[in-house]
PDB file of N, CA and C in Angstrom:
ATOM      1  N   MET A   1     -26.128  14.488  13.434  1.00  0.00           N
ATOM      2  CA  MET A   1     -27.504  14.109  13.323  1.00  0.00           C
ATOM      3  C   MET A   1     -27.906  13.501  14.653  1.00  0.00           C
ATOM      4  N   THR A   2     -29.026  13.938  15.191  1.00  0.00           N
ATOM      5  CA  THR A   2     -29.505  13.403  16.465  1.00  0.00           C
ATOM      6  C   THR A   2     -30.949  12.918  16.336  1.00  0.00           C
ATOM      7  N   ALA A   3     -31.273  11.872  17.093  1.00  0.00           N
ATOM      8  CA  ALA A   3     -32.633  11.339  17.111  1.00  0.00           C
ATOM      9  C   ALA A   3     -32.809  10.470  18.353  1.00  0.00           C
ATOM     10  N   CYS A   4     -34.015  10.515  18.936  1.00  0.00           N
ATOM     11  CA  CYS A   4     -34.323   9.677  20.095  1.00  0.00           C
ATOM     12  C   CYS A   4     -35.726   9.099  19.927  1.00  0.00           C
ATOM     13  N   PRO A   5     -36.124   8.139  20.780  1.00  0.00           N
ATOM     14  CA  PRO A   5     -37.417   7.472  20.599  1.00  0.00           C
ATOM     15  C   PRO A   5     -38.628   8.411  20.582  1.00  0.00           C
ATOM     16  N   THR A   6     -38.676   9.383  21.482  1.00  0.00           N
ATOM     17  CA  THR A   6     -39.830  10.278  21.498  1.00  0.00           C
ATOM     18  C   THR A   6     -39.601  11.516  20.645  1.00  0.00           C
ATOM     19  N   GLY A   7     -38.351  11.791  20.327  1.00  0.00           N
ATOM     20  CA  GLY A   7     -38.039  12.921  19.455  1.00  0.00           C
ATOM     21  C   GLY A   7     -38.242  14.266  20.105  1.00  0.00           C
ATOM     22  N   VAL A   8     -38.068  14.314  21.407  1.00  0.00           N
ATOM     23  CA  VAL A   8     -38.264  15.588  22.087  1.00  0.00           C
ATOM     24  C   VAL A   8     -36.969  15.964  22.796  1.00  0.00           C
ATOM     25  N   ALA A   9     -36.903  15.771  24.073  1.00  0.00           N
ATOM     26  CA  ALA A   9     -35.815  16.305  24.894  1.00  0.00           C
ATOM     27  C   ALA A   9     -34.433  15.813  24.486  1.00  0.00           C
ATOM     28  N   LEU A  10     -34.230  14.506  24.429  1.00  0.00           N
ATOM     29  CA  LEU A  10     -32.883  13.986  24.195  1.00  0.00           C
ATOM     30  C   LEU A  10     -32.333  14.382  22.829  1.00  0.00           C
ATOM     31  N   THR A  11     -33.179  14.399  21.824  1.00  0.00           N
ATOM     32  CA  THR A  11     -32.746  14.800  20.482  1.00  0.00           C
ATOM     33  C   THR A  11     -32.136  16.194  20.519  1.00  0.00           C
ATOM     34  N   TYR A  12     -32.842  17.125  21.121  1.00  0.00           N
ATOM     35  CA  TYR A  12     -32.406  18.524  21.115  1.00  0.00           C
ATOM     36  C   TYR A  12     -31.300  18.787  22.129  1.00  0.00           C
ATOM     37  N   MET A  13     -31.310  18.060  23.238  1.00  0.00           N
ATOM     38  CA  MET A  13     -30.228  18.196  24.210  1.00  0.00           C
ATOM     39  C   MET A  13     -28.916  17.701  23.611  1.00  0.00           C
ATOM     40  N   ALA A  14     -28.953  16.573  22.913  1.00  0.00           N
ATOM     41  CA  ALA A  14     -27.745  16.042  22.272  1.00  0.00           C
ATOM     42  C   ALA A  14     -27.229  17.016  21.227  1.00  0.00           C
ATOM     43  N   ALA A  15     -28.120  17.582  20.441  1.00  0.00           N
ATOM     44  CA  ALA A  15     -27.712  18.552  19.417  1.00  0.00           C
ATOM     45  C   ALA A  15     -27.049  19.764  20.058  1.00  0.00           C
ATOM     46  N   ALA A  16     -27.633  20.267  21.138  1.00  0.00           N
ATOM     47  CA  ALA A  16     -27.085  21.449  21.805  1.00  0.00           C
ATOM     48  C   ALA A  16     -25.720  21.159  22.427  1.00  0.00           C
ATOM     49  N   ARG A  17     -25.592  20.023  23.086  1.00  0.00           N
ATOM     50  CA  ARG A  17     -24.316  19.678  23.747  1.00  0.00           C
ATOM     51  C   ARG A  17     -23.214  19.434  22.713  1.00  0.00           C
ATOM     52  N   LEU A  18     -23.537  18.742  21.621  1.00  0.00           N
ATOM     53  CA  LEU A  18     -22.535  18.524  20.583  1.00  0.00           C
ATOM     54  C   LEU A  18     -22.144  19.833  19.911  1.00  0.00           C
ATOM     55  N   GLY A  19     -23.116  20.695  19.678  1.00  0.00           N
ATOM     56  CA  GLY A  19     -22.818  21.996  19.067  1.00  0.00           C
ATOM     57  C   GLY A  19     -21.912  22.845  19.935  1.00  0.00           C
ATOM     58  N   ALA A  20     -22.191  22.883  21.229  1.00  0.00           N
ATOM     59  CA  ALA A  20     -21.359  23.665  22.154  1.00  0.00           C
ATOM     60  C   ALA A  20     -19.949  23.097  22.225  1.00  0.00           C
ATOM     61  N   ALA A  21     -19.830  21.786  22.269  1.00  0.00           N
ATOM     62  CA  ALA A  21     -18.504  21.162  22.316  1.00  0.00           C
ATOM     63  C   ALA A  21     -17.742  21.419  21.023  1.00  0.00           C
ATOM     64  N   ALA A  22     -18.422  21.347  19.892  1.00  0.00           N
ATOM     65  CA  ALA A  22     -17.767  21.603  18.598  1.00  0.00           C
ATOM     66  C   ALA A  22     -17.196  23.011  18.562  1.00  0.00           C
ATOM     67  N   ARG A  23     -17.983  23.982  18.995  1.00  0.00           N
ATOM     68  CA  ARG A  23     -17.500  25.379  19.009  1.00  0.00           C
ATOM     69  C   ARG A  23     -16.304  25.523  19.938  1.00  0.00           C
ATOM     70  N   ALA A  24     -16.384  24.920  21.116  1.00  0.00           N
ATOM     71  CA  ALA A  24     -15.286  25.024  22.089  1.00  0.00           C
ATOM     72  C   ALA A  24     -14.011  24.364  21.570  1.00  0.00           C
ATOM     73  N   LEU A  25     -14.160  23.302  20.786  1.00  0.00           N
ATOM     74  CA  LEU A  25     -13.008  22.578  20.263  1.00  0.00           C
ATOM     75  C   LEU A  25     -12.528  23.121  18.915  1.00  0.00           C
ATOM     76  N   GLY A  26     -13.253  24.080  18.372  1.00  0.00           N
ATOM     77  CA  GLY A  26     -12.860  24.689  17.101  1.00  0.00           C
ATOM     78  C   GLY A  26     -13.218  23.887  15.865  1.00  0.00           C
ATOM     79  N   HIS A  27     -14.210  23.015  15.977  1.00  0.00           N
ATOM     80  CA  HIS A  27     -14.641  22.208  14.837  1.00  0.00           C
ATOM     81  C   HIS A  27     -15.781  22.901  14.111  1.00  0.00           C
ATOM     82  N   GLY A  28     -15.797  22.782  12.789  1.00  0.00           N
ATOM     83  CA  GLY A  28     -16.982  23.147  12.037  1.00  0.00           C
ATOM     84  C   GLY A  28     -18.044  22.105  12.341  1.00  0.00           C
ATOM     85  N   PHE A  29     -19.272  22.514  12.487  1.00  0.00           N
ATOM     86  CA  PHE A  29     -20.300  21.556  12.906  1.00  0.00           C
ATOM     87  C   PHE A  29     -21.657  22.036  12.441  1.00  0.00           C
ATOM     88  N   ARG A  30     -22.449  21.107  11.926  1.00  0.00           N
ATOM     89  CA  ARG A  30     -23.840  21.384  11.606  1.00  0.00           C
ATOM     90  C   ARG A  30     -24.634  20.167  12.020  1.00  0.00           C
ATOM     91  N   VAL A  31     -25.817  20.393  12.550  1.00  0.00           N
ATOM     92  CA  VAL A  31     -26.593  19.268  13.072  1.00  0.00           C
ATOM     93  C   VAL A  31     -27.983  19.235  12.452  1.00  0.00           C
ATOM     94  N   GLU A  32     -28.393  18.035  12.120  1.00  0.00           N
ATOM     95  CA  GLU A  32     -29.757  17.753  11.681  1.00  0.00           C
ATOM     96  C   GLU A  32     -30.429  17.030  12.832  1.00  0.00           C
ATOM     97  N   THR A  33     -31.661  17.387  13.133  1.00  0.00           N
ATOM     98  CA  THR A  33     -32.407  16.656  14.157  1.00  0.00           C
ATOM     99  C   THR A  33     -33.569  15.922  13.501  1.00  0.00           C
ATOM    100  N   GLN A  34     -33.848  14.753  14.027  1.00  0.00           N
ATOM    101  CA  GLN A  34     -35.010  13.977  13.608  1.00  0.00           C
ATOM    102  C   GLN A  34     -35.809  13.728  14.874  1.00  0.00           C
ATOM    103  N   GLY A  35     -36.817  14.555  15.080  1.00  0.00           N
ATOM    104  CA  GLY A  35     -37.573  14.490  16.316  1.00  0.00           C
ATOM    105  C   GLY A  35     -39.065  14.524  16.097  1.00  0.00           C
ATOM    106  N   ALA A  36     -39.770  14.935  17.146  1.00  0.00           N
ATOM    107  CA  ALA A  36     -41.228  14.982  17.115  1.00  0.00           C
ATOM    108  C   ALA A  36     -41.740  15.949  16.046  1.00  0.00           C
ATOM    109  N   LEU A  37     -40.939  16.944  15.708  1.00  0.00           N
ATOM    110  CA  LEU A  37     -41.333  17.912  14.686  1.00  0.00           C
ATOM    111  C   LEU A  37     -40.916  17.479  13.289  1.00  0.00           C
ATOM    112  N   GLY A  38     -40.410  16.257  13.164  1.00  0.00           N
ATOM    113  CA  GLY A  38     -39.923  15.757  11.881  1.00  0.00           C
ATOM    114  C   GLY A  38     -38.437  16.044  11.731  1.00  0.00           C
ATOM    115  N   VAL A  39     -37.975  16.077  10.497  1.00  0.00           N
ATOM    116  CA  VAL A  39     -36.575  16.358  10.219  1.00  0.00           C
ATOM    117  C   VAL A  39     -36.398  17.869  10.152  1.00  0.00           C
ATOM    118  N   GLU A  40     -35.463  18.365  10.958  1.00  0.00           N
ATOM    119  CA  GLU A  40     -35.171  19.803  10.955  1.00  0.00           C
ATOM    120  C   GLU A  40     -33.718  20.011  10.572  1.00  0.00           C
ATOM    121  N   ASP A  41     -33.466  21.074   9.828  1.00  0.00           N
ATOM    122  CA  ASP A  41     -32.110  21.423   9.387  1.00  0.00           C
ATOM    123  C   ASP A  41     -31.477  20.269   8.612  1.00  0.00           C
ATOM    124  N   LEU A  42     -32.210  19.759   7.649  1.00  0.00           N
ATOM    125  CA  LEU A  42     -31.763  18.632   6.839  1.00  0.00           C
ATOM    126  C   LEU A  42     -30.373  18.892   6.267  1.00  0.00           C
ATOM    127  N   LEU A  43     -29.473  17.938   6.491  1.00  0.00           N
ATOM    128  CA  LEU A  43     -28.126  18.031   5.928  1.00  0.00           C
ATOM    129  C   LEU A  43     -28.198  17.728   4.434  1.00  0.00           C
ATOM    130  N   THR A  44     -27.537  18.545   3.642  1.00  0.00           N
ATOM    131  CA  THR A  44     -27.521  18.304   2.200  1.00  0.00           C
ATOM    132  C   THR A  44     -26.472  17.252   1.873  1.00  0.00           C
ATOM    133  N   ARG A  45     -26.593  16.659   0.725  1.00  0.00           N
ATOM    134  CA  ARG A  45     -25.593  15.670   0.292  1.00  0.00           C
ATOM    135  C   ARG A  45     -24.212  16.319   0.188  1.00  0.00           C
ATOM    136  N   LYS A  46     -24.175  17.577  -0.224  1.00  0.00           N
ATOM    137  CA  LYS A  46     -22.899  18.295  -0.323  1.00  0.00           C
ATOM    138  C   LYS A  46     -22.273  18.478   1.062  1.00  0.00           C
ATOM    139  N   GLU A  47     -23.071  18.847   2.047  1.00  0.00           N
ATOM    140  CA  GLU A  47     -22.562  19.000   3.416  1.00  0.00           C
ATOM    141  C   GLU A  47     -22.055  17.672   3.964  1.00  0.00           C
ATOM    142  N   ILE A  48     -22.789  16.615   3.705  1.00  0.00           N
ATOM    143  CA  ILE A  48     -22.389  15.285   4.174  1.00  0.00           C
ATOM    144  C   ILE A  48     -21.071  14.881   3.513  1.00  0.00           C
ATOM    145  N   ALA A  49     -20.949  15.132   2.226  1.00  0.00           N
ATOM    146  CA  ALA A  49     -19.723  14.761   1.508  1.00  0.00           C
ATOM    147  C   ALA A  49     -18.516  15.553   2.011  1.00  0.00           C
ATOM    148  N   ARG A  50     -18.718  16.794   2.434  1.00  0.00           N
ATOM    149  CA  ARG A  50     -17.613  17.635   2.926  1.00  0.00           C
ATOM    150  C   ARG A  50     -17.201  17.292   4.345  1.00  0.00           C
ATOM    151  N   ALA A  51     -18.041  16.613   5.087  1.00  0.00           N
ATOM    152  CA  ALA A  51     -17.735  16.313   6.492  1.00  0.00           C
ATOM    153  C   ALA A  51     -16.583  15.328   6.605  1.00  0.00           C
ATOM    154  N   ASP A  52     -15.664  15.617   7.521  1.00  0.00           N
ATOM    155  CA  ASP A  52     -14.589  14.664   7.807  1.00  0.00           C
ATOM    156  C   ASP A  52     -15.160  13.430   8.487  1.00  0.00           C
ATOM    157  N   VAL A  53     -16.063  13.644   9.434  1.00  0.00           N
ATOM    158  CA  VAL A  53     -16.718  12.559  10.169  1.00  0.00           C
ATOM    159  C   VAL A  53     -18.177  12.967  10.379  1.00  0.00           C
ATOM    160  N   VAL A  54     -19.076  12.039  10.183  1.00  0.00           N
ATOM    161  CA  VAL A  54     -20.485  12.248  10.482  1.00  0.00           C
ATOM    162  C   VAL A  54     -20.764  11.565  11.814  1.00  0.00           C
ATOM    163  N   ILE A  55     -21.291  12.322  12.759  1.00  0.00           N
ATOM    164  CA  ILE A  55     -21.656  11.752  14.059  1.00  0.00           C
ATOM    165  C   ILE A  55     -23.163  11.520  14.066  1.00  0.00           C
ATOM    166  N   LEU A  56     -23.555  10.276  14.266  1.00  0.00           N
ATOM    167  CA  LEU A  56     -24.971   9.940  14.379  1.00  0.00           C
ATOM    168  C   LEU A  56     -25.241   9.642  15.845  1.00  0.00           C
ATOM    169  N   ALA A  57     -25.813  10.599  16.545  1.00  0.00           N
ATOM    170  CA  ALA A  57     -26.180  10.429  17.954  1.00  0.00           C
ATOM    171  C   ALA A  57     -27.662  10.085  17.976  1.00  0.00           C
ATOM    172  N   ALA A  58     -27.945   8.797  17.953  1.00  0.00           N
ATOM    173  CA  ALA A  58     -29.334   8.364  17.787  1.00  0.00           C
ATOM    174  C   ALA A  58     -29.617   7.100  18.584  1.00  0.00           C
ATOM    175  N   ASP A  59     -30.825   7.035  19.099  1.00  0.00           N
ATOM    176  CA  ASP A  59     -31.290   5.871  19.838  1.00  0.00           C
ATOM    177  C   ASP A  59     -32.356   5.105  19.065  1.00  0.00           C
ATOM    178  N   VAL A  60     -32.651   5.578  17.874  1.00  0.00           N
ATOM    179  CA  VAL A  60     -33.633   4.962  16.983  1.00  0.00           C
ATOM    180  C   VAL A  60     -33.028   4.938  15.579  1.00  0.00           C
ATOM    181  N   PRO A  61     -33.592   4.129  14.681  1.00  0.00           N
ATOM    182  CA  PRO A  61     -33.071   4.139  13.316  1.00  0.00           C
ATOM    183  C   PRO A  61     -33.178   5.541  12.697  1.00  0.00           C
ATOM    184  N   VAL A  62     -32.144   5.917  11.983  1.00  0.00           N
ATOM    185  CA  VAL A  62     -32.085   7.225  11.332  1.00  0.00           C
ATOM    186  C   VAL A  62     -32.848   7.152  10.015  1.00  0.00           C
ATOM    187  N   ARG A  63     -33.699   8.143   9.775  1.00  0.00           N
ATOM    188  CA  ARG A  63     -34.434   8.195   8.510  1.00  0.00           C
ATOM    189  C   ARG A  63     -33.471   8.528   7.379  1.00  0.00           C
ATOM    190  N   ASP A  64     -33.612   7.854   6.273  1.00  0.00           N
ATOM    191  CA  ASP A  64     -32.787   8.078   5.084  1.00  0.00           C
ATOM    192  C   ASP A  64     -31.298   7.927   5.408  1.00  0.00           C
ATOM    193  N   ALA A  65     -30.976   6.905   6.182  1.00  0.00           N
ATOM    194  CA  ALA A  65     -29.598   6.679   6.624  1.00  0.00           C
ATOM    195  C   ALA A  65     -28.647   6.399   5.472  1.00  0.00           C
ATOM    196  N   GLY A  66     -29.151   5.989   4.335  1.00  0.00           N
ATOM    197  CA  GLY A  66     -28.314   5.718   3.174  1.00  0.00           C
ATOM    198  C   GLY A  66     -27.507   6.928   2.728  1.00  0.00           C
ATOM    199  N   ARG A  67     -27.965   8.120   3.103  1.00  0.00           N
ATOM    200  CA  ARG A  67     -27.220   9.344   2.749  1.00  0.00           C
ATOM    201  C   ARG A  67     -25.817   9.333   3.332  1.00  0.00           C
ATOM    202  N   PHE A  68     -25.618   8.566   4.408  1.00  0.00           N
ATOM    203  CA  PHE A  68     -24.344   8.567   5.118  1.00  0.00           C
ATOM    204  C   PHE A  68     -23.467   7.364   4.778  1.00  0.00           C
ATOM    205  N   ASP A  69     -23.900   6.526   3.830  1.00  0.00           N
ATOM    206  CA  ASP A  69     -23.176   5.292   3.529  1.00  0.00           C
ATOM    207  C   ASP A  69     -21.740   5.513   3.089  1.00  0.00           C
ATOM    208  N   ARG A  70     -21.453   6.585   2.402  1.00  0.00           N
ATOM    209  CA  ARG A  70     -20.092   6.840   1.919  1.00  0.00           C
ATOM    210  C   ARG A  70     -19.276   7.696   2.884  1.00  0.00           C
ATOM    211  N   SER A  71     -19.836   7.985   4.022  1.00  0.00           N
ATOM    212  CA  SER A  71     -19.183   8.863   5.006  1.00  0.00           C
ATOM    213  C   SER A  71     -18.457   8.053   6.063  1.00  0.00           C
ATOM    214  N   LEU A  72     -17.388   8.636   6.566  1.00  0.00           N
ATOM    215  CA  LEU A  72     -16.759   8.118   7.768  1.00  0.00           C
ATOM    216  C   LEU A  72     -17.697   8.526   8.894  1.00  0.00           C
ATOM    217  N   ARG A  73     -18.234   7.566   9.627  1.00  0.00           N
ATOM    218  CA  ARG A  73     -19.240   7.933  10.616  1.00  0.00           C
ATOM    219  C   ARG A  73     -19.008   7.258  11.958  1.00  0.00           C
ATOM    220  N   LEU A  74     -19.444   7.975  12.958  1.00  0.00           N
ATOM    221  CA  LEU A  74     -19.373   7.509  14.334  1.00  0.00           C
ATOM    222  C   LEU A  74     -20.796   7.457  14.855  1.00  0.00           C
ATOM    223  N   GLU A  75     -21.204   6.309  15.367  1.00  0.00           N
ATOM    224  CA  GLU A  75     -22.546   6.161  15.912  1.00  0.00           C
ATOM    225  C   GLU A  75     -22.460   6.072  17.421  1.00  0.00           C
ATOM    226  N   VAL A  76     -23.200   6.952  18.103  1.00  0.00           N
ATOM    227  CA  VAL A  76     -23.239   6.998  19.565  1.00  0.00           C
ATOM    228  C   VAL A  76     -24.684   7.180  20.002  1.00  0.00           C
ATOM    229  N   SER A  77     -24.931   6.975  21.273  1.00  0.00           N
ATOM    230  CA  SER A  77     -26.272   7.217  21.810  1.00  0.00           C
ATOM    231  C   SER A  77     -26.438   8.707  22.116  1.00  0.00           C
ATOM    232  N   THR A  78     -27.692   9.131  22.229  1.00  0.00           N
ATOM    233  CA  THR A  78     -27.914  10.516  22.640  1.00  0.00           C
ATOM    234  C   THR A  78     -27.385  10.727  24.054  1.00  0.00           C
ATOM    235  N   GLY A  79     -27.464   9.690  24.888  1.00  0.00           N
ATOM    236  CA  GLY A  79     -26.935   9.784  26.254  1.00  0.00           C
ATOM    237  C   GLY A  79     -25.450  10.080  26.271  1.00  0.00           C
ATOM    238  N   ASP A  80     -24.685   9.410  25.403  1.00  0.00           N
ATOM    239  CA  ASP A  80     -23.248   9.690  25.305  1.00  0.00           C
ATOM    240  C   ASP A  80     -23.006  11.122  24.840  1.00  0.00           C
ATOM    241  N   ALA A  81     -23.778  11.565  23.866  1.00  0.00           N
ATOM    242  CA  ALA A  81     -23.614  12.918  23.335  1.00  0.00           C
ATOM    243  C   ALA A  81     -23.929  13.979  24.387  1.00  0.00           C
ATOM    244  N   ILE A  82     -24.891  13.704  25.228  1.00  0.00           N
ATOM    245  CA  ILE A  82     -25.273  14.655  26.271  1.00  0.00           C
ATOM    246  C   ILE A  82     -24.271  14.628  27.430  1.00  0.00           C
ATOM    247  N   ALA A  83     -23.916  13.445  27.875  1.00  0.00           N
ATOM    248  CA  ALA A  83     -23.057  13.311  29.052  1.00  0.00           C
ATOM    249  C   ALA A  83     -21.605  13.670  28.784  1.00  0.00           C
ATOM    250  N   ALA A  84     -21.105  13.345  27.599  1.00  0.00           N
ATOM    251  CA  ALA A  84     -19.674  13.526  27.334  1.00  0.00           C
ATOM    252  C   ALA A  84     -19.424  13.906  25.874  1.00  0.00           C
ATOM    253  N   PRO A  85     -19.903  15.074  25.450  1.00  0.00           N
ATOM    254  CA  PRO A  85     -19.722  15.439  24.045  1.00  0.00           C
ATOM    255  C   PRO A  85     -18.256  15.563  23.636  1.00  0.00           C
ATOM    256  N   GLU A  86     -17.396  15.996  24.550  1.00  0.00           N
ATOM    257  CA  GLU A  86     -15.970  16.105  24.221  1.00  0.00           C
ATOM    258  C   GLU A  86     -15.394  14.728  23.930  1.00  0.00           C
ATOM    259  N   ALA A  87     -15.834  13.719  24.662  1.00  0.00           N
ATOM    260  CA  ALA A  87     -15.379  12.346  24.428  1.00  0.00           C
ATOM    261  C   ALA A  87     -15.874  11.844  23.071  1.00  0.00           C
ATOM    262  N   VAL A  88     -17.069  12.247  22.676  1.00  0.00           N
ATOM    263  CA  VAL A  88     -17.583  11.872  21.355  1.00  0.00           C
ATOM    264  C   VAL A  88     -16.677  12.454  20.281  1.00  0.00           C
ATOM    265  N   PHE A  89     -16.288  13.723  20.442  1.00  0.00           N
ATOM    266  CA  PHE A  89     -15.394  14.331  19.453  1.00  0.00           C
ATOM    267  C   PHE A  89     -14.010  13.688  19.486  1.00  0.00           C
ATOM    268  N   ALA A  90     -13.541  13.274  20.649  1.00  0.00           N
ATOM    269  CA  ALA A  90     -12.253  12.569  20.729  1.00  0.00           C
ATOM    270  C   ALA A  90     -12.341  11.249  19.958  1.00  0.00           C
ATOM    271  N   ARG A  91     -13.462  10.564  20.075  1.00  0.00           N
ATOM    272  CA  ARG A  91     -13.651   9.318  19.317  1.00  0.00           C
ATOM    273  C   ARG A  91     -13.708   9.592  17.821  1.00  0.00           C
ATOM    274  N   ALA A  92     -14.358  10.690  17.436  1.00  0.00           N
ATOM    275  CA  ALA A  92     -14.424  11.061  16.018  1.00  0.00           C
ATOM    276  C   ALA A  92     -13.027  11.377  15.482  1.00  0.00           C
ATOM    277  N   GLU A  93     -12.229  12.086  16.279  1.00  0.00           N
ATOM    278  CA  GLU A  93     -10.862  12.415  15.872  1.00  0.00           C
ATOM    279  C   GLU A  93     -10.031  11.143  15.720  1.00  0.00           C
ATOM    280  N   ALA A  94     -10.180  10.197  16.645  1.00  0.00           N
ATOM    281  CA  ALA A  94      -9.448   8.936  16.577  1.00  0.00           C
ATOM    282  C   ALA A  94      -9.873   8.141  15.340  1.00  0.00           C
ATOM    283  N   LEU A  95     -11.150   8.157  15.045  1.00  0.00           N
ATOM    284  CA  LEU A  95     -11.664   7.470  13.861  1.00  0.00           C
ATOM    285  C   LEU A  95     -11.044   8.067  12.601  1.00  0.00           C
ATOM    286  N   LEU A  96     -10.989   9.379  12.547  1.00  0.00           N
ATOM    287  CA  LEU A  96     -10.402  10.062  11.395  1.00  0.00           C
ATOM    288  C   LEU A  96      -8.913   9.745  11.275  1.00  0.00           C
ATOM    289  N   ARG A  97      -8.195   9.777  12.388  1.00  0.00           N
ATOM    290  CA  ARG A  97      -6.762   9.442  12.353  1.00  0.00           C
ATOM    291  C   ARG A  97      -6.551   8.020  11.855  1.00  0.00           C
ATOM    292  N   GLY A  98      -7.411   7.113  12.298  1.00  0.00           N
ATOM    293  CA  GLY A  98      -7.303   5.729  11.850  1.00  0.00           C
ATOM    294  C   GLY A  98      -7.551   5.585  10.363  1.00  0.00           C
ATOM    295  N   ALA A  99      -8.436   6.398   9.832  1.00  0.00           N
ATOM    296  CA  ALA A  99      -8.779   6.327   8.413  1.00  0.00           C
ATOM    297  C   ALA A  99      -7.764   7.049   7.532  1.00  0.00           C
ATOM    298  N   ARG A 100      -7.187   8.124   8.044  1.00  0.00           N
ATOM    299  CA  ARG A 100      -6.318   8.966   7.221  1.00  0.00           C
ATOM    300  C   ARG A 100      -4.879   9.021   7.681  1.00  0.00           C
ATOM    301  N   GLY A 101      -4.589   8.457   8.822  1.00  0.00           N
ATOM    302  CA  GLY A 101      -3.229   8.501   9.336  1.00  0.00           C
ATOM    303  C   GLY A 101      -3.120   9.436  10.520  1.00  0.00           C
ATOM    304  N   PRO A 102      -2.039   9.330  11.304  1.00  0.00           N
ATOM    305  CA  PRO A 102      -1.906  10.069  12.565  1.00  0.00           C
ATOM    306  C   PRO A 102      -1.874  11.579  12.425  1.00  0.00           C
ATOM    307  N   ALA A 103      -1.518  12.110  11.269  1.00  0.00           N
ATOM    308  CA  ALA A 103      -1.422  13.565  11.118  1.00  0.00           C
ATOM    309  C   ALA A 103      -2.778  14.218  10.831  1.00  0.00           C
ATOM    310  N   ALA A 104      -3.804  13.435  10.568  1.00  0.00           N
ATOM    311  CA  ALA A 104      -5.102  13.987  10.208  1.00  0.00           C
ATOM    312  C   ALA A 104      -5.762  14.679  11.388  1.00  0.00           C
ATOM    313  N   THR A 105      -6.263  15.868  11.156  1.00  0.00           N
ATOM    314  CA  THR A 105      -7.049  16.575  12.157  1.00  0.00           C
ATOM    315  C   THR A 105      -8.369  16.984  11.514  1.00  0.00           C
ATOM    316  N   PRO A 106      -9.477  16.784  12.214  1.00  0.00           N
ATOM    317  CA  PRO A 106     -10.774  17.095  11.618  1.00  0.00           C
ATOM    318  C   PRO A 106     -11.013  18.602  11.509  1.00  0.00           C
ATOM    319  N   ARG A 107     -11.683  18.959  10.442  1.00  0.00           N
ATOM    320  CA  ARG A 107     -12.110  20.341  10.217  1.00  0.00           C
ATOM    321  C   ARG A 107     -13.624  20.437  10.351  1.00  0.00           C
ATOM    322  N   ASN A 108     -14.292  19.457   9.803  1.00  0.00           N
ATOM    323  CA  ASN A 108     -15.754  19.499   9.726  1.00  0.00           C
ATOM    324  C   ASN A 108     -16.349  18.192  10.212  1.00  0.00           C
ATOM    325  N   VAL A 109     -17.254  18.292  11.184  1.00  0.00           N
ATOM    326  CA  VAL A 109     -17.967  17.110  11.677  1.00  0.00           C
ATOM    327  C   VAL A 109     -19.446  17.411  11.709  1.00  0.00           C
TER     328      VAL A 109
END
């Protein structure tokens, strides 16, 4: 999920960079954006529940953030997602290992 103050460039740049990194790293990935056009590609509760880690790349409060309360989640800025998406996924993997043990590898983020 990505969101920025104006909901234009950074929101979509973060989504694109995270998506490209996910594909390169072999992770399943789906992204919801909350931008100037409103909420696009809304994540379903089922998709959220299936995710190993939810990455919230946002610089503003996320709308309907309660949907993610039961999820293992990593919160980063859109700047981090744009500048170093691979590092964001490394942090997500570390978070998952910490929650599930060293043998855990993420399938879906």
